Each structure stands twice: as structure tokens, then as C-alpha cells.
Protein backbone atom coordinates (compact mmCIF):
# COMPACT_ATOMS: atom_id res chain seq x y z
CA MET A 1 -42.05 -17.72 -5.29
CA LYS A 2 -39.38 -15.52 -6.61
CA ALA A 3 -35.97 -15.94 -5.41
CA THR A 4 -34.52 -12.68 -4.01
CA ARG A 5 -30.96 -11.83 -5.14
CA ARG A 6 -28.39 -10.59 -2.68
CA LYS A 7 -26.26 -7.74 -3.65
CA SER A 8 -22.67 -8.87 -3.54
CA THR A 9 -20.18 -6.59 -2.05
CA PRO A 10 -17.07 -6.27 -4.20
CA VAL A 11 -14.02 -8.06 -2.61
CA ARG A 12 -11.06 -5.68 -1.95
CA ASN A 13 -7.80 -7.26 -2.55
CA GLU A 14 -5.59 -4.58 -0.91
CA TRP A 15 -2.78 -5.21 1.38
CA PRO A 16 -3.16 -4.29 5.00
CA ALA A 17 -1.53 -1.21 6.37
CA VAL A 18 1.04 -3.15 8.42
CA VAL A 19 2.48 -4.48 5.23
CA TYR A 20 3.01 -1.05 3.89
CA LEU A 21 4.56 0.02 7.16
CA TRP A 22 7.05 -2.90 7.10
CA ILE A 23 8.00 -2.05 3.57
CA PHE A 24 8.49 1.71 4.29
CA GLY A 25 10.41 0.86 7.54
CA LEU A 26 12.75 -1.76 6.34
CA ALA A 27 13.42 0.19 3.10
CA MET A 28 14.40 3.28 5.10
CA MET A 29 16.43 1.26 7.72
CA SER A 30 18.30 -0.57 4.97
CA TYR A 31 19.10 2.60 3.05
CA VAL A 32 20.46 4.36 6.15
CA VAL A 33 22.45 1.29 7.31
CA ALA A 34 23.84 0.99 3.79
CA ARG A 35 24.68 4.58 3.63
CA PHE A 36 26.92 4.27 6.67
CA ALA A 37 28.43 0.81 5.96
CA LEU A 38 28.99 1.30 2.22
CA ASP A 39 30.05 5.03 2.31
CA GLY A 40 32.88 4.57 -0.11
CA GLN A 41 30.90 2.57 -2.66
CA PRO A 42 28.94 3.76 -5.59
CA HIS A 43 25.45 5.28 -4.83
CA PRO A 44 23.42 2.65 -6.58
CA TYR A 45 24.36 0.07 -3.83
CA HIS A 46 22.52 2.25 -1.32
CA TRP A 47 19.34 2.09 -3.50
CA LEU A 48 19.72 -1.56 -4.00
CA ALA A 49 19.88 -2.03 -0.08
CA ALA A 50 16.69 0.02 0.18
CA LEU A 51 14.99 -2.02 -2.50
CA THR A 52 16.06 -5.35 -0.82
CA GLY A 53 14.82 -4.08 2.49
CA GLY A 54 11.49 -3.03 1.02
CA LEU A 55 10.91 -6.37 -0.72
CA ALA A 56 11.78 -8.13 2.55
CA GLY A 57 9.14 -6.06 4.25
CA ILE A 58 6.36 -7.67 2.15
CA PRO A 59 6.54 -11.26 3.58
CA MET A 60 7.43 -9.74 7.12
CA GLY A 61 4.42 -7.60 7.10
CA SER A 62 2.22 -10.37 5.98
CA VAL A 63 3.52 -12.72 8.78
CA TRP A 64 2.82 -9.81 11.23
CA TYR A 65 -0.68 -9.39 10.00
CA ARG A 66 -1.45 -13.07 10.31
CA TRP A 67 0.11 -13.25 13.76
CA ARG A 68 -1.05 -9.82 15.36
CA GLY A 69 -3.41 -8.35 12.97
CA ASP A 70 -3.54 -5.02 11.39
CA VAL A 71 -2.28 -1.91 13.26
CA PHE A 72 -5.22 0.36 12.69
């Protein structure tokens, strides 16, 4: 008796859409808030705030995905 092989489907290691939405949303919100709060400061501070907000969106989006699931 021959053993039949099952075709394995490739595992996709992509982030859920909710993580991308949190990254984009927090980056934009951080940039806008920094734009108003740090108006007299040099421009790279605004981009640094956006980068920090985007990086904070990764764990927040992951927690949301585990708690509530994906948005789509």
C-alpha cells in the first residue's frame, strides 16, 4: 500500500491588516500632535515622533488582533 502525500500549503507570515492600520494611524497622529506641540523645534523632531508612533503601533495592533481579531 502506497502512502499518499498531502500537498502542504505554504504558511504565510504576514501581519494582519489591523497591525498596519495601527502603525499608520499612530504615526499620523503622532506627527500631527508633534507638529503643533513642537512648532518651534527643528523639523526632524516631527519625523521622530511619527517614527515612534509607528513603532508603538506594532505591539498595539498585535494586541488588538489577539483580543478582537482582524478588521476585515
